[in-house]
Amino acid sequence: MASRKKPEQKIERIFYSFTEAQEFLGVSHQTVYKLIEQGLKSHKIGRKRVFLKEDLIKWIKGH
């Protein structure tokens, strides 16, 4: 009997790492820190800082 593999489902990520957010916004590392100081929302998971994709899009639309 052959085992059936389930088709792989691609899970859409709703958050980006710091580096991914930097690339998404097209800005430097320092600029991301400045944007955080100016109100760009970010969240800490353990020692990592992450950004919700939705928050990045809202930031772009609002500035």
C-alpha atoms as a PDB file:
ATOM      1  CA  MET A   1       0.000   0.000   0.000  1.00  0.00           C
ATOM      2  CA  ALA A   2       1.494   3.335  -1.042  1.00  0.00           C
ATOM      3  CA  SER A   3       1.259   6.180   1.409  1.00  0.00           C
ATOM      4  CA  ARG A   4      -0.498   9.265   0.167  1.00  0.00           C
ATOM      5  CA  LYS A   5       1.076  12.622   0.690  1.00  0.00           C
ATOM      6  CA  LYS A   6      -1.156  15.541   1.459  1.00  0.00           C
ATOM      7  CA  PRO A   7      -0.684  18.419  -0.932  1.00  0.00           C
ATOM      8  CA  GLU A   8       1.494  21.026   0.716  1.00  0.00           C
ATOM      9  CA  GLN A   9      -0.406  24.116   1.696  1.00  0.00           C
ATOM     10  CA  LYS A  10       1.449  27.370   1.625  1.00  0.00           C
ATOM     11  CA  ILE A  11       0.819  29.258   4.832  1.00  0.00           C
ATOM     12  CA  GLU A  12       0.712  33.004   4.366  1.00  0.00           C
ATOM     13  CA  ARG A  13       2.835  34.721   6.970  1.00  0.00           C
ATOM     14  CA  ILE A  14       1.250  37.739   8.560  1.00  0.00           C
ATOM     15  CA  PHE A  15       4.465  39.091  10.037  1.00  0.00           C
ATOM     16  CA  TYR A  16       7.939  39.981   8.846  1.00  0.00           C
ATOM     17  CA  SER A  17      11.280  39.823  10.606  1.00  0.00           C
ATOM     18  CA  PHE A  18      13.240  43.048  11.028  1.00  0.00           C
ATOM     19  CA  THR A  19      15.269  42.375   7.881  1.00  0.00           C
ATOM     20  CA  GLU A  20      12.194  41.384   5.868  1.00  0.00           C
ATOM     21  CA  ALA A  21      10.395  44.561   6.973  1.00  0.00           C
ATOM     22  CA  GLN A  22      13.444  46.578   5.949  1.00  0.00           C
ATOM     23  CA  GLU A  23      13.375  44.976   2.492  1.00  0.00           C
ATOM     24  CA  PHE A  24       9.584  45.350   2.214  1.00  0.00           C
ATOM     25  CA  LEU A  25       9.833  49.091   2.960  1.00  0.00           C
ATOM     26  CA  GLY A  26      12.993  49.515   0.883  1.00  0.00           C
ATOM     27  CA  VAL A  27      14.847  51.386   3.620  1.00  0.00           C
ATOM     28  CA  SER A  28      18.014  50.987   5.666  1.00  0.00           C
ATOM     29  CA  HIS A  29      18.344  49.293   9.044  1.00  0.00           C
ATOM     30  CA  GLN A  30      18.701  52.686  10.750  1.00  0.00           C
ATOM     31  CA  THR A  31      15.622  54.037   9.006  1.00  0.00           C
ATOM     32  CA  VAL A  32      13.502  51.191  10.375  1.00  0.00           C
ATOM     33  CA  TYR A  33      14.605  52.173  13.898  1.00  0.00           C
ATOM     34  CA  LYS A  34      13.713  55.800  13.161  1.00  0.00           C
ATOM     35  CA  LEU A  35      10.296  54.741  11.870  1.00  0.00           C
ATOM     36  CA  ILE A  36       9.704  52.771  15.085  1.00  0.00           C
ATOM     37  CA  GLU A  37      10.518  55.927  17.065  1.00  0.00           C
ATOM     38  CA  GLN A  38       8.009  57.785  14.864  1.00  0.00           C
ATOM     39  CA  GLY A  39       5.253  55.287  15.649  1.00  0.00           C
ATOM     40  CA  LEU A  40       5.684  52.297  13.331  1.00  0.00           C
ATOM     41  CA  LYS A  41       4.233  49.370  15.278  1.00  0.00           C
ATOM     42  CA  SER A  42       6.430  46.397  16.029  1.00  0.00           C
ATOM     43  CA  HIS A  43       6.202  43.462  18.406  1.00  0.00           C
ATOM     44  CA  LYS A  44       8.775  41.486  20.345  1.00  0.00           C
ATOM     45  CA  ILE A  45       8.677  37.705  20.239  1.00  0.00           C
ATOM     46  CA  GLY A  46      11.374  36.596  22.608  1.00  0.00           C
ATOM     47  CA  ARG A  47      14.425  38.574  21.542  1.00  0.00           C
ATOM     48  CA  LYS A  48      13.211  39.086  17.978  1.00  0.00           C
ATOM     49  CA  ARG A  49      11.321  42.128  16.740  1.00  0.00           C
ATOM     50  CA  VAL A  50       8.623  41.454  14.170  1.00  0.00           C
ATOM     51  CA  PHE A  51       6.270  43.603  12.147  1.00  0.00           C
ATOM     52  CA  LEU A  52       2.741  42.728  11.112  1.00  0.00           C
ATOM     53  CA  LYS A  53       2.356  42.979   7.345  1.00  0.00           C
ATOM     54  CA  GLU A  54      -0.894  44.878   7.901  1.00  0.00           C
ATOM     55  CA  ASP A  55       0.895  47.505  10.041  1.00  0.00           C
ATOM     56  CA  LEU A  56       3.586  48.017   7.386  1.00  0.00           C
ATOM     57  CA  ILE A  57       0.955  48.556   4.709  1.00  0.00           C
ATOM     58  CA  LYS A  58      -0.970  51.004   6.937  1.00  0.00           C
ATOM     59  CA  TRP A  59       2.275  52.902   7.592  1.00  0.00           C
ATOM     60  CA  ILE A  60       3.008  53.196   3.874  1.00  0.00           C
ATOM     61  CA  LYS A  61      -0.526  54.389   3.102  1.00  0.00           C
ATOM     62  CA  GLY A  62      -0.471  56.926   5.920  1.00  0.00           C
ATOM     63  CA  HIS A  63       2.894  58.513   5.143  1.00  0.00           C
END
